[in-house]
Amino acid sequence: MNTQVNINYVKTNPDLSNHQKSELDKIIRKHALIAGRILDIPYVTITIYPKSDRTIPETGEGGYAPSGDWLQIFIDLKNKNYNPKFIINNLTPGTVYHEMNHIARWRTVGYGKTLLEAIVTEGLASAFEKDQWKKFTAPWTRSNKAEISNFLKIMKNRDKKKDSEYNHAEWFFGKGKLPRWIGYKLGAHIIESMRGNFPKLSWRQLMAMKASEIIKKSEVKI
């Protein structure tokens, strides 16, 4: 499938230069088309917004996909860790893959309303991002055995009665008592474990698979 990719920009201050927009157009379109082909996405509109307070401080960019046909990419032109050129060329592609994965998920089973569903959805996006873009490994996709072991203990000790009314900012962004990125890292661990058990399953098949089935196939006890 040849994905129809529409790109537009939000004008703001500071704004992207014409050269930066041209580079973003090429990079975003290239990787959105690759993701669209893998995930069977017919069309998507991508909005670029150079707004610092909507980005992830560690990386200077961020993304959000609220539906099955629209995603947003945010860029911090004054980030202290990375300059705009590095962000555009090395970080933006990973965000495109992450958010395009969300687009595909929205088009099938949806994002999910419970903690476990959200963990699986973010895990799919994070694992897909990591799998498709090797130049930069985002902090929410990096983990080690000790860290995962600790996160699994936290999961097992949680109040499961609150899974339907979980605090998203706490479980995914560390805005509370939980470690930063715990939801993303656990999700990526579940997806990578499941793919190890079932290597012939395609990304397209995974997009339509319920969270409960993915967790079961992963054999990760949470």
N, C-alpha and C. Protein backbone atom coordinates (compact mmCIF):
# COMPACT_ATOMS: atom_id res chain seq x y z
N MET A 1 0.84 -1.20 0.00
CA MET A 1 0.00 0.00 0.00
C MET A 1 0.88 1.25 0.00
N ASN A 2 0.54 2.19 -0.87
CA ASN A 2 1.26 3.47 -0.93
C ASN A 2 0.52 4.48 -0.07
N THR A 3 1.06 4.81 1.08
CA THR A 3 0.41 5.70 2.04
C THR A 3 0.38 7.14 1.54
N GLN A 4 -0.77 7.78 1.66
CA GLN A 4 -0.88 9.21 1.35
C GLN A 4 -0.46 9.99 2.59
N VAL A 5 0.61 10.77 2.46
CA VAL A 5 1.16 11.52 3.59
C VAL A 5 0.98 13.02 3.36
N ASN A 6 0.23 13.67 4.24
CA ASN A 6 0.03 15.11 4.18
C ASN A 6 0.75 15.76 5.36
N ILE A 7 1.60 16.73 5.09
CA ILE A 7 2.40 17.39 6.13
C ILE A 7 2.06 18.87 6.19
N ASN A 8 1.79 19.38 7.38
CA ASN A 8 1.57 20.81 7.53
C ASN A 8 2.28 21.33 8.78
N TYR A 9 2.42 22.63 8.87
CA TYR A 9 3.20 23.25 9.94
C TYR A 9 2.37 24.29 10.69
N VAL A 10 2.58 24.34 12.00
CA VAL A 10 1.97 25.37 12.82
C VAL A 10 2.98 26.52 12.94
N LYS A 11 2.56 27.71 12.57
CA LYS A 11 3.45 28.86 12.65
C LYS A 11 3.50 29.36 14.09
N THR A 12 4.73 29.58 14.59
CA THR A 12 4.89 30.04 15.96
C THR A 12 6.21 30.77 16.09
N ASN A 13 6.58 31.16 17.28
CA ASN A 13 7.83 31.88 17.53
C ASN A 13 8.55 31.27 18.74
N PRO A 14 9.79 30.75 18.55
CA PRO A 14 10.57 30.73 17.31
C PRO A 14 10.01 29.73 16.31
N ASP A 15 10.22 30.03 15.04
CA ASP A 15 9.66 29.19 14.00
C ASP A 15 10.76 28.44 13.26
N LEU A 16 10.37 27.39 12.56
CA LEU A 16 11.30 26.65 11.72
C LEU A 16 11.66 27.47 10.49
N SER A 17 12.90 27.38 10.05
CA SER A 17 13.31 28.07 8.83
C SER A 17 12.80 27.29 7.62
N ASN A 18 12.82 27.90 6.46
CA ASN A 18 12.39 27.22 5.24
C ASN A 18 13.26 26.00 4.96
N HIS A 19 14.57 26.13 5.25
CA HIS A 19 15.48 25.00 5.05
C HIS A 19 15.12 23.85 5.99
N GLN A 20 14.82 24.16 7.26
CA GLN A 20 14.46 23.13 8.22
C GLN A 20 13.15 22.44 7.81
N LYS A 21 12.20 23.21 7.30
CA LYS A 21 10.94 22.62 6.84
C LYS A 21 11.17 21.69 5.65
N SER A 22 12.07 22.11 4.76
CA SER A 22 12.39 21.28 3.60
C SER A 22 13.01 19.96 4.02
N GLU A 23 13.94 20.02 4.99
CA GLU A 23 14.57 18.81 5.49
C GLU A 23 13.57 17.91 6.20
N LEU A 24 12.70 18.53 7.00
CA LEU A 24 11.68 17.76 7.70
C LEU A 24 10.73 17.08 6.72
N ASP A 25 10.35 17.79 5.69
CA ASP A 25 9.46 17.22 4.67
C ASP A 25 10.04 15.93 4.10
N LYS A 26 11.31 15.98 3.72
CA LYS A 26 11.96 14.82 3.11
C LYS A 26 12.07 13.66 4.10
N ILE A 27 12.52 13.96 5.30
CA ILE A 27 12.76 12.93 6.31
C ILE A 27 11.44 12.30 6.78
N ILE A 28 10.49 13.14 7.12
CA ILE A 28 9.21 12.64 7.64
C ILE A 28 8.47 11.83 6.58
N ARG A 29 8.43 12.34 5.37
CA ARG A 29 7.73 11.64 4.30
C ARG A 29 8.36 10.27 4.03
N LYS A 30 9.69 10.25 3.98
CA LYS A 30 10.41 9.00 3.72
C LYS A 30 10.05 7.93 4.75
N HIS A 31 10.11 8.28 6.03
CA HIS A 31 9.90 7.27 7.07
C HIS A 31 8.41 6.99 7.31
N ALA A 32 7.57 7.96 7.07
CA ALA A 32 6.12 7.72 7.18
C ALA A 32 5.67 6.75 6.09
N LEU A 33 6.25 6.86 4.91
CA LEU A 33 5.91 5.94 3.82
C LEU A 33 6.37 4.52 4.13
N ILE A 34 7.57 4.40 4.73
CA ILE A 34 8.06 3.07 5.12
C ILE A 34 7.15 2.46 6.17
N ALA A 35 6.84 3.25 7.21
CA ALA A 35 5.97 2.75 8.28
C ALA A 35 4.58 2.42 7.75
N GLY A 36 4.07 3.28 6.87
CA GLY A 36 2.74 3.05 6.31
C GLY A 36 2.65 1.77 5.52
N ARG A 37 3.73 1.46 4.79
CA ARG A 37 3.75 0.22 4.01
C ARG A 37 3.79 -1.00 4.93
N ILE A 38 4.60 -0.93 5.98
CA ILE A 38 4.72 -2.06 6.91
C ILE A 38 3.42 -2.29 7.67
N LEU A 39 2.76 -1.19 8.07
CA LEU A 39 1.60 -1.26 8.95
C LEU A 39 0.27 -1.17 8.22
N ASP A 40 0.30 -1.02 6.90
CA ASP A 40 -0.91 -0.96 6.09
C ASP A 40 -1.78 0.25 6.47
N ILE A 41 -1.18 1.43 6.42
CA ILE A 41 -1.89 2.68 6.72
C ILE A 41 -2.16 3.42 5.41
N PRO A 42 -3.41 3.65 5.05
CA PRO A 42 -3.72 4.25 3.74
C PRO A 42 -3.41 5.75 3.65
N TYR A 43 -3.57 6.47 4.75
CA TYR A 43 -3.34 7.92 4.72
C TYR A 43 -3.09 8.45 6.13
N VAL A 44 -2.37 9.55 6.21
CA VAL A 44 -2.11 10.19 7.50
C VAL A 44 -1.79 11.66 7.28
N THR A 45 -2.26 12.49 8.19
CA THR A 45 -1.89 13.91 8.20
C THR A 45 -0.93 14.12 9.37
N ILE A 46 0.19 14.77 9.09
CA ILE A 46 1.22 15.00 10.11
C ILE A 46 1.39 16.51 10.32
N THR A 47 1.19 16.95 11.55
CA THR A 47 1.33 18.36 11.89
C THR A 47 2.61 18.57 12.67
N ILE A 48 3.44 19.51 12.22
CA ILE A 48 4.71 19.82 12.88
C ILE A 48 4.54 21.11 13.68
N TYR A 49 4.88 21.04 14.96
CA TYR A 49 4.70 22.21 15.85
C TYR A 49 5.99 22.43 16.63
N PRO A 50 6.77 23.48 16.30
CA PRO A 50 8.01 23.76 17.04
C PRO A 50 7.70 24.44 18.38
N LYS A 51 7.24 23.66 19.32
CA LYS A 51 6.81 24.18 20.63
C LYS A 51 7.56 23.48 21.74
N SER A 52 8.41 24.20 22.43
CA SER A 52 9.30 23.61 23.44
C SER A 52 8.57 22.90 24.56
N ASP A 53 7.50 23.50 25.08
CA ASP A 53 6.85 22.92 26.27
C ASP A 53 6.04 21.67 25.97
N ARG A 54 6.00 21.26 24.72
CA ARG A 54 5.31 20.02 24.36
C ARG A 54 6.30 18.90 24.04
N THR A 55 7.58 19.18 24.17
CA THR A 55 8.59 18.19 23.84
C THR A 55 9.10 17.47 25.08
N ILE A 56 9.85 16.38 24.86
CA ILE A 56 10.49 15.64 25.94
C ILE A 56 11.84 16.31 26.22
N PRO A 57 12.07 16.77 27.45
CA PRO A 57 13.29 17.53 27.76
C PRO A 57 14.59 16.81 27.38
N GLU A 58 14.62 15.49 27.58
CA GLU A 58 15.84 14.74 27.30
C GLU A 58 16.20 14.70 25.82
N THR A 59 15.20 14.80 24.95
CA THR A 59 15.46 14.64 23.51
C THR A 59 15.14 15.86 22.66
N GLY A 60 14.33 16.77 23.16
CA GLY A 60 14.01 17.96 22.40
C GLY A 60 12.97 17.75 21.31
N GLU A 61 12.25 16.68 21.37
CA GLU A 61 11.17 16.43 20.42
C GLU A 61 10.11 15.56 21.11
N GLY A 62 9.03 15.33 20.41
CA GLY A 62 7.97 14.50 20.97
C GLY A 62 6.90 14.28 19.93
N GLY A 63 5.94 13.43 20.26
CA GLY A 63 4.88 13.16 19.30
C GLY A 63 3.60 12.76 20.00
N TYR A 64 2.50 12.82 19.25
CA TYR A 64 1.20 12.46 19.80
C TYR A 64 0.29 12.06 18.64
N ALA A 65 -0.36 10.92 18.76
CA ALA A 65 -1.29 10.44 17.74
C ALA A 65 -2.65 10.23 18.39
N PRO A 66 -3.57 11.19 18.27
CA PRO A 66 -4.86 11.09 18.95
C PRO A 66 -5.91 10.27 18.22
N SER A 67 -5.59 9.82 16.99
CA SER A 67 -6.59 9.10 16.20
C SER A 67 -5.89 8.23 15.15
N GLY A 68 -6.68 7.62 14.29
CA GLY A 68 -6.14 6.72 13.29
C GLY A 68 -5.76 7.38 11.98
N ASP A 69 -5.73 8.72 11.96
CA ASP A 69 -5.38 9.41 10.71
C ASP A 69 -4.57 10.69 10.90
N TRP A 70 -4.20 10.98 12.15
CA TRP A 70 -3.52 12.26 12.42
C TRP A 70 -2.48 12.08 13.52
N LEU A 71 -1.28 12.58 13.27
CA LEU A 71 -0.26 12.61 14.32
C LEU A 71 0.42 13.97 14.34
N GLN A 72 0.96 14.29 15.51
CA GLN A 72 1.63 15.57 15.72
C GLN A 72 3.08 15.31 16.12
N ILE A 73 3.98 16.15 15.64
CA ILE A 73 5.39 16.08 16.02
C ILE A 73 5.81 17.44 16.56
N PHE A 74 6.42 17.45 17.73
CA PHE A 74 6.85 18.69 18.38
C PHE A 74 8.38 18.76 18.39
N ILE A 75 8.91 19.96 18.19
CA ILE A 75 10.36 20.15 18.15
C ILE A 75 10.75 21.35 18.99
N ASP A 76 11.77 21.16 19.82
CA ASP A 76 12.31 22.24 20.65
C ASP A 76 13.54 22.81 19.95
N LEU A 77 13.42 24.02 19.42
CA LEU A 77 14.52 24.63 18.67
C LEU A 77 15.63 25.15 19.59
N LYS A 78 15.38 25.12 20.90
CA LYS A 78 16.39 25.63 21.85
C LYS A 78 16.74 24.58 22.90
N ASN A 79 16.62 23.32 22.56
CA ASN A 79 16.90 22.25 23.51
C ASN A 79 18.37 22.29 23.95
N LYS A 80 18.62 22.03 25.23
CA LYS A 80 19.98 22.11 25.77
C LYS A 80 20.83 20.89 25.43
N ASN A 81 20.20 19.79 25.04
CA ASN A 81 20.96 18.57 24.75
C ASN A 81 21.29 18.39 23.27
N TYR A 82 20.36 18.76 22.40
CA TYR A 82 20.56 18.53 20.97
C TYR A 82 20.15 19.76 20.17
N ASN A 83 20.93 20.05 19.12
CA ASN A 83 20.56 21.18 18.26
C ASN A 83 19.48 20.76 17.26
N PRO A 84 18.78 21.72 16.65
CA PRO A 84 17.68 21.38 15.73
C PRO A 84 18.08 20.45 14.60
N LYS A 85 19.27 20.63 14.04
CA LYS A 85 19.71 19.78 12.94
C LYS A 85 19.80 18.33 13.38
N PHE A 86 20.38 18.09 14.56
CA PHE A 86 20.50 16.72 15.07
C PHE A 86 19.12 16.13 15.34
N ILE A 87 18.24 16.93 15.93
CA ILE A 87 16.88 16.46 16.23
C ILE A 87 16.16 16.06 14.95
N ILE A 88 16.24 16.93 13.94
CA ILE A 88 15.54 16.68 12.68
C ILE A 88 16.06 15.41 12.01
N ASN A 89 17.38 15.25 11.96
CA ASN A 89 17.97 14.15 11.21
C ASN A 89 18.06 12.83 11.98
N ASN A 90 18.18 12.90 13.29
CA ASN A 90 18.46 11.68 14.07
C ASN A 90 17.36 11.26 15.02
N LEU A 91 16.50 12.18 15.43
CA LEU A 91 15.45 11.83 16.40
C LEU A 91 14.06 11.78 15.79
N THR A 92 13.80 12.68 14.85
CA THR A 92 12.47 12.74 14.24
C THR A 92 12.04 11.42 13.59
N PRO A 93 12.93 10.71 12.87
CA PRO A 93 12.49 9.45 12.26
C PRO A 93 11.95 8.45 13.28
N GLY A 94 12.60 8.34 14.44
CA GLY A 94 12.11 7.42 15.47
C GLY A 94 10.72 7.80 15.95
N THR A 95 10.49 9.11 16.09
CA THR A 95 9.17 9.59 16.50
C THR A 95 8.12 9.25 15.45
N VAL A 96 8.48 9.39 14.19
CA VAL A 96 7.55 9.04 13.11
C VAL A 96 7.15 7.57 13.21
N TYR A 97 8.12 6.69 13.40
CA TYR A 97 7.80 5.26 13.51
C TYR A 97 6.93 4.99 14.73
N HIS A 98 7.25 5.62 15.85
CA HIS A 98 6.49 5.44 17.09
C HIS A 98 5.03 5.85 16.88
N GLU A 99 4.84 7.06 16.36
CA GLU A 99 3.48 7.57 16.21
C GLU A 99 2.71 6.89 15.08
N MET A 100 3.38 6.48 14.03
CA MET A 100 2.69 5.74 12.97
C MET A 100 2.20 4.39 13.49
N ASN A 101 2.94 3.82 14.42
CA ASN A 101 2.49 2.58 15.05
C ASN A 101 1.20 2.83 15.83
N HIS A 102 1.14 3.97 16.53
CA HIS A 102 -0.10 4.33 17.23
C HIS A 102 -1.26 4.49 16.24
N ILE A 103 -0.97 5.12 15.09
CA ILE A 103 -2.00 5.30 14.07
C ILE A 103 -2.59 3.94 13.69
N ALA A 104 -1.71 2.97 13.45
CA ALA A 104 -2.17 1.63 13.07
C ALA A 104 -2.97 0.97 14.19
N ARG A 105 -2.55 1.18 15.42
CA ARG A 105 -3.26 0.60 16.57
C ARG A 105 -4.65 1.22 16.70
N TRP A 106 -4.74 2.54 16.51
CA TRP A 106 -6.04 3.21 16.57
C TRP A 106 -6.98 2.65 15.50
N ARG A 107 -6.43 2.25 14.36
CA ARG A 107 -7.25 1.78 13.25
C ARG A 107 -7.73 0.34 13.44
N THR A 108 -7.22 -0.33 14.47
CA THR A 108 -7.63 -1.72 14.73
C THR A 108 -8.32 -1.82 16.09
N VAL A 109 -7.59 -2.18 17.13
CA VAL A 109 -8.24 -2.39 18.43
C VAL A 109 -8.35 -1.14 19.27
N GLY A 110 -7.67 -0.06 18.86
CA GLY A 110 -7.70 1.17 19.64
C GLY A 110 -6.57 1.25 20.64
N TYR A 111 -6.40 2.41 21.23
CA TYR A 111 -5.31 2.63 22.18
C TYR A 111 -5.48 1.77 23.43
N GLY A 112 -6.70 1.71 23.94
CA GLY A 112 -6.96 0.96 25.17
C GLY A 112 -7.30 1.89 26.31
N LYS A 113 -8.04 1.37 27.28
CA LYS A 113 -8.48 2.20 28.41
C LYS A 113 -7.88 1.78 29.74
N THR A 114 -7.32 0.59 29.82
CA THR A 114 -6.76 0.11 31.08
C THR A 114 -5.24 0.26 31.08
N LEU A 115 -4.65 0.11 32.23
CA LEU A 115 -3.19 0.21 32.36
C LEU A 115 -2.49 -0.81 31.47
N LEU A 116 -2.93 -2.06 31.50
CA LEU A 116 -2.26 -3.10 30.72
C LEU A 116 -2.41 -2.85 29.22
N GLU A 117 -3.56 -2.36 28.80
CA GLU A 117 -3.76 -2.05 27.39
C GLU A 117 -2.84 -0.92 26.95
N ALA A 118 -2.70 0.09 27.80
CA ALA A 118 -1.82 1.22 27.48
C ALA A 118 -0.36 0.78 27.43
N ILE A 119 0.03 -0.07 28.36
CA ILE A 119 1.40 -0.58 28.38
C ILE A 119 1.71 -1.34 27.10
N VAL A 120 0.77 -2.17 26.65
CA VAL A 120 0.98 -2.92 25.42
C VAL A 120 1.03 -1.98 24.21
N THR A 121 0.12 -1.02 24.16
CA THR A 121 0.10 -0.08 23.04
C THR A 121 1.38 0.72 22.95
N GLU A 122 1.84 1.24 24.08
CA GLU A 122 3.10 2.00 24.08
C GLU A 122 4.29 1.08 23.85
N GLY A 123 4.17 -0.15 24.29
CA GLY A 123 5.24 -1.11 24.05
C GLY A 123 5.38 -1.43 22.57
N LEU A 124 4.24 -1.58 21.89
CA LEU A 124 4.26 -1.82 20.45
C LEU A 124 4.94 -0.67 19.71
N ALA A 125 4.56 0.55 20.07
CA ALA A 125 5.13 1.74 19.41
C ALA A 125 6.62 1.87 19.71
N SER A 126 7.01 1.62 20.94
CA SER A 126 8.41 1.75 21.33
C SER A 126 9.27 0.67 20.69
N ALA A 127 8.77 -0.56 20.67
CA ALA A 127 9.52 -1.66 20.06
C ALA A 127 9.63 -1.46 18.55
N PHE A 128 8.57 -0.95 17.93
CA PHE A 128 8.59 -0.69 16.49
C PHE A 128 9.59 0.43 16.16
N GLU A 129 9.56 1.48 16.97
CA GLU A 129 10.52 2.58 16.82
C GLU A 129 11.96 2.07 16.92
N LYS A 130 12.21 1.26 17.92
CA LYS A 130 13.55 0.71 18.14
C LYS A 130 13.97 -0.22 17.02
N ASP A 131 13.02 -0.99 16.51
CA ASP A 131 13.28 -1.96 15.46
C ASP A 131 13.57 -1.29 14.11
N GLN A 132 12.88 -0.20 13.84
CA GLN A 132 12.98 0.44 12.52
C GLN A 132 14.03 1.54 12.43
N TRP A 133 14.41 2.14 13.57
CA TRP A 133 15.35 3.27 13.54
C TRP A 133 16.51 2.99 14.48
N LYS A 134 17.68 2.73 13.91
CA LYS A 134 18.84 2.30 14.69
C LYS A 134 19.80 3.44 15.05
N LYS A 135 19.64 4.61 14.43
CA LYS A 135 20.60 5.69 14.65
C LYS A 135 20.52 6.29 16.06
N PHE A 136 19.34 6.22 16.66
CA PHE A 136 19.17 6.80 17.99
C PHE A 136 18.22 5.92 18.79
N THR A 137 18.68 5.46 19.94
CA THR A 137 17.84 4.65 20.81
C THR A 137 17.25 5.55 21.89
N ALA A 138 15.97 5.77 21.83
CA ALA A 138 15.30 6.66 22.76
C ALA A 138 15.38 6.14 24.19
N PRO A 139 15.44 7.02 25.19
CA PRO A 139 15.58 6.58 26.59
C PRO A 139 14.43 5.71 27.08
N TRP A 140 13.24 5.88 26.49
CA TRP A 140 12.10 5.07 26.93
C TRP A 140 12.09 3.68 26.31
N THR A 141 13.06 3.41 25.43
CA THR A 141 13.17 2.05 24.86
C THR A 141 14.38 1.31 25.40
N ARG A 142 15.21 1.98 26.20
CA ARG A 142 16.42 1.36 26.75
C ARG A 142 16.16 0.80 28.14
N SER A 143 16.61 -0.42 28.38
CA SER A 143 16.46 -1.02 29.71
C SER A 143 17.46 -2.16 29.86
N ASN A 144 17.64 -2.60 31.10
CA ASN A 144 18.50 -3.76 31.36
C ASN A 144 17.72 -4.74 32.25
N LYS A 145 18.29 -5.91 32.46
CA LYS A 145 17.60 -6.97 33.20
C LYS A 145 17.24 -6.54 34.62
N ALA A 146 18.15 -5.85 35.28
CA ALA A 146 17.90 -5.43 36.67
C ALA A 146 16.74 -4.44 36.73
N GLU A 147 16.72 -3.51 35.77
CA GLU A 147 15.66 -2.52 35.72
C GLU A 147 14.32 -3.18 35.46
N ILE A 148 14.27 -4.07 34.50
CA ILE A 148 13.01 -4.76 34.18
C ILE A 148 12.55 -5.60 35.36
N SER A 149 13.48 -6.26 36.04
CA SER A 149 13.13 -7.06 37.21
C SER A 149 12.48 -6.19 38.28
N ASN A 150 13.03 -5.01 38.50
CA ASN A 150 12.46 -4.08 39.48
C ASN A 150 11.08 -3.60 39.05
N PHE A 151 10.93 -3.29 37.75
CA PHE A 151 9.64 -2.83 37.23
C PHE A 151 8.57 -3.91 37.35
N LEU A 152 8.96 -5.16 37.13
CA LEU A 152 8.00 -6.26 37.24
C LEU A 152 7.52 -6.43 38.68
N LYS A 153 8.41 -6.20 39.63
CA LYS A 153 8.02 -6.25 41.05
C LYS A 153 7.00 -5.17 41.36
N ILE A 154 7.24 -3.97 40.81
CA ILE A 154 6.31 -2.87 41.01
C ILE A 154 4.94 -3.22 40.42
N MET A 155 4.94 -3.81 39.23
CA MET A 155 3.69 -4.19 38.58
C MET A 155 2.93 -5.22 39.40
N LYS A 156 3.64 -6.22 39.91
CA LYS A 156 2.99 -7.29 40.66
C LYS A 156 2.42 -6.79 41.98
N ASN A 157 3.02 -5.73 42.53
CA ASN A 157 2.57 -5.19 43.82
C ASN A 157 1.55 -4.06 43.68
N ARG A 158 1.18 -3.71 42.46
CA ARG A 158 0.23 -2.62 42.25
C ARG A 158 -1.17 -3.02 42.71
N ASP A 159 -2.03 -2.06 42.90
CA ASP A 159 -3.43 -2.32 43.20
C ASP A 159 -4.16 -2.53 41.88
N LYS A 160 -4.40 -3.79 41.52
CA LYS A 160 -4.98 -4.11 40.23
C LYS A 160 -6.40 -3.56 40.06
N LYS A 161 -7.05 -3.25 41.17
CA LYS A 161 -8.41 -2.69 41.10
C LYS A 161 -8.41 -1.30 40.47
N LYS A 162 -7.23 -0.68 40.43
CA LYS A 162 -7.12 0.66 39.87
C LYS A 162 -6.65 0.68 38.42
N ASP A 163 -6.54 -0.49 37.80
CA ASP A 163 -6.04 -0.57 36.43
C ASP A 163 -6.92 0.17 35.43
N SER A 164 -8.21 0.29 35.75
CA SER A 164 -9.13 0.97 34.83
C SER A 164 -9.15 2.48 35.03
N GLU A 165 -8.52 2.94 36.09
CA GLU A 165 -8.47 4.39 36.36
C GLU A 165 -7.04 4.79 36.73
N TYR A 166 -6.10 4.23 36.01
CA TYR A 166 -4.69 4.46 36.30
C TYR A 166 -4.27 5.90 35.96
N ASN A 167 -3.18 6.34 36.57
CA ASN A 167 -2.62 7.67 36.31
C ASN A 167 -1.59 7.54 35.19
N HIS A 168 -1.95 8.00 34.00
CA HIS A 168 -1.07 7.83 32.83
C HIS A 168 0.26 8.57 33.01
N ALA A 169 0.21 9.78 33.51
CA ALA A 169 1.43 10.57 33.67
C ALA A 169 2.39 9.91 34.65
N GLU A 170 1.86 9.24 35.67
CA GLU A 170 2.70 8.57 36.65
C GLU A 170 3.32 7.30 36.07
N TRP A 171 2.54 6.52 35.35
CA TRP A 171 3.03 5.25 34.84
C TRP A 171 3.94 5.39 33.62
N PHE A 172 3.79 6.49 32.89
CA PHE A 172 4.58 6.62 31.67
C PHE A 172 5.61 7.76 31.70
N PHE A 173 5.37 8.78 32.50
CA PHE A 173 6.29 9.93 32.51
C PHE A 173 6.97 10.18 33.85
N GLY A 174 6.70 9.32 34.82
CA GLY A 174 7.36 9.47 36.11
C GLY A 174 6.89 10.65 36.93
N LYS A 175 5.68 11.13 36.66
CA LYS A 175 5.15 12.27 37.41
C LYS A 175 4.40 11.75 38.63
N GLY A 176 5.18 11.32 39.60
CA GLY A 176 4.64 10.71 40.81
C GLY A 176 5.73 9.91 41.47
N LYS A 177 5.38 8.80 42.07
CA LYS A 177 6.35 7.98 42.80
C LYS A 177 7.02 6.91 41.93
N LEU A 178 6.51 6.69 40.75
CA LEU A 178 7.04 5.62 39.90
C LEU A 178 8.22 6.09 39.05
N PRO A 179 9.11 5.15 38.67
CA PRO A 179 10.27 5.51 37.84
C PRO A 179 9.83 6.06 36.48
N ARG A 180 10.60 6.99 35.95
CA ARG A 180 10.31 7.56 34.64
C ARG A 180 10.38 6.48 33.56
N TRP A 181 9.43 6.48 32.67
CA TRP A 181 9.35 5.59 31.51
C TRP A 181 8.95 4.15 31.84
N ILE A 182 8.55 3.85 33.07
CA ILE A 182 8.29 2.46 33.45
C ILE A 182 7.28 1.80 32.50
N GLY A 183 6.21 2.50 32.14
CA GLY A 183 5.21 1.91 31.27
C GLY A 183 5.74 1.59 29.89
N TYR A 184 6.55 2.51 29.34
CA TYR A 184 7.14 2.29 28.02
C TYR A 184 8.10 1.10 28.04
N LYS A 185 8.97 1.08 29.04
CA LYS A 185 10.00 0.05 29.08
C LYS A 185 9.42 -1.34 29.33
N LEU A 186 8.43 -1.41 30.21
CA LEU A 186 7.76 -2.69 30.43
C LEU A 186 7.04 -3.14 29.16
N GLY A 187 6.40 -2.18 28.50
CA GLY A 187 5.69 -2.51 27.27
C GLY A 187 6.62 -3.03 26.19
N ALA A 188 7.76 -2.36 26.01
CA ALA A 188 8.74 -2.80 25.02
C ALA A 188 9.27 -4.19 25.37
N HIS A 189 9.49 -4.44 26.67
CA HIS A 189 9.95 -5.75 27.12
C HIS A 189 8.93 -6.84 26.78
N ILE A 190 7.66 -6.54 26.98
CA ILE A 190 6.60 -7.51 26.68
C ILE A 190 6.58 -7.81 25.18
N ILE A 191 6.64 -6.77 24.36
CA ILE A 191 6.59 -6.97 22.91
C ILE A 191 7.81 -7.73 22.42
N GLU A 192 8.98 -7.37 22.90
CA GLU A 192 10.20 -8.05 22.46
C GLU A 192 10.21 -9.51 22.92
N SER A 193 9.68 -9.77 24.10
CA SER A 193 9.58 -11.16 24.58
C SER A 193 8.61 -11.96 23.71
N MET A 194 7.47 -11.35 23.39
CA MET A 194 6.47 -12.02 22.57
C MET A 194 6.99 -12.29 21.17
N ARG A 195 7.69 -11.32 20.59
CA ARG A 195 8.25 -11.50 19.25
C ARG A 195 9.34 -12.58 19.24
N GLY A 196 10.03 -12.70 20.37
CA GLY A 196 11.02 -13.77 20.48
C GLY A 196 10.36 -15.14 20.48
N ASN A 197 9.17 -15.21 21.08
CA ASN A 197 8.43 -16.47 21.13
C ASN A 197 7.72 -16.78 19.81
N PHE A 198 7.32 -15.72 19.10
CA PHE A 198 6.57 -15.87 17.85
C PHE A 198 7.18 -14.98 16.76
N PRO A 199 8.37 -15.34 16.29
CA PRO A 199 9.09 -14.48 15.34
C PRO A 199 8.43 -14.33 13.98
N LYS A 200 7.50 -15.21 13.64
CA LYS A 200 6.86 -15.14 12.32
C LYS A 200 5.67 -14.18 12.28
N LEU A 201 5.25 -13.69 13.44
CA LEU A 201 4.14 -12.74 13.48
C LEU A 201 4.60 -11.40 12.90
N SER A 202 3.85 -10.85 11.97
CA SER A 202 4.21 -9.57 11.36
C SER A 202 3.72 -8.41 12.22
N TRP A 203 4.28 -7.23 11.98
CA TRP A 203 3.83 -6.03 12.69
C TRP A 203 2.35 -5.77 12.40
N ARG A 204 1.95 -6.03 11.18
CA ARG A 204 0.55 -5.81 10.80
C ARG A 204 -0.37 -6.72 11.62
N GLN A 205 0.04 -7.95 11.86
CA GLN A 205 -0.75 -8.86 12.67
C GLN A 205 -0.80 -8.40 14.12
N LEU A 206 0.32 -7.90 14.61
CA LEU A 206 0.38 -7.45 16.01
C LEU A 206 -0.54 -6.27 16.27
N MET A 207 -0.71 -5.41 15.27
CA MET A 207 -1.55 -4.23 15.44
C MET A 207 -2.99 -4.59 15.75
N ALA A 208 -3.45 -5.72 15.24
CA ALA A 208 -4.83 -6.13 15.42
C ALA A 208 -5.03 -7.11 16.58
N MET A 209 -3.95 -7.40 17.30
CA MET A 209 -4.01 -8.37 18.39
C MET A 209 -4.34 -7.69 19.71
N LYS A 210 -5.27 -8.26 20.46
CA LYS A 210 -5.65 -7.69 21.74
C LYS A 210 -4.50 -7.73 22.74
N ALA A 211 -4.49 -6.79 23.66
CA ALA A 211 -3.42 -6.69 24.65
C ALA A 211 -3.31 -7.96 25.48
N SER A 212 -4.43 -8.54 25.85
CA SER A 212 -4.42 -9.74 26.69
C SER A 212 -3.72 -10.90 25.98
N GLU A 213 -3.94 -11.01 24.67
CA GLU A 213 -3.32 -12.09 23.91
C GLU A 213 -1.82 -11.85 23.78
N ILE A 214 -1.44 -10.61 23.56
CA ILE A 214 -0.01 -10.27 23.45
C ILE A 214 0.72 -10.59 24.74
N ILE A 215 0.12 -10.21 25.87
CA ILE A 215 0.74 -10.48 27.18
C ILE A 215 0.87 -11.99 27.40
N LYS A 216 -0.17 -12.72 27.05
CA LYS A 216 -0.14 -14.18 27.22
C LYS A 216 0.97 -14.79 26.37
N LYS A 217 1.10 -14.37 25.14
CA LYS A 217 2.12 -14.92 24.24
C LYS A 217 3.53 -14.51 24.67
N SER A 218 3.65 -13.39 25.36
CA SER A 218 4.96 -12.92 25.81
C SER A 218 5.50 -13.77 26.97
N GLU A 219 4.58 -14.38 27.73
CA GLU A 219 4.91 -15.16 28.92
C GLU A 219 5.53 -14.31 30.02
N VAL A 220 5.32 -12.99 29.93
CA VAL A 220 5.77 -12.07 30.98
C VAL A 220 4.67 -11.99 32.03
N LYS A 221 5.02 -12.26 33.26
CA LYS A 221 4.04 -12.28 34.34
C LYS A 221 3.90 -10.89 34.98
N ILE A 222 2.75 -10.26 34.72
CA ILE A 222 2.49 -8.94 35.31
C ILE A 222 1.13 -8.90 36.01
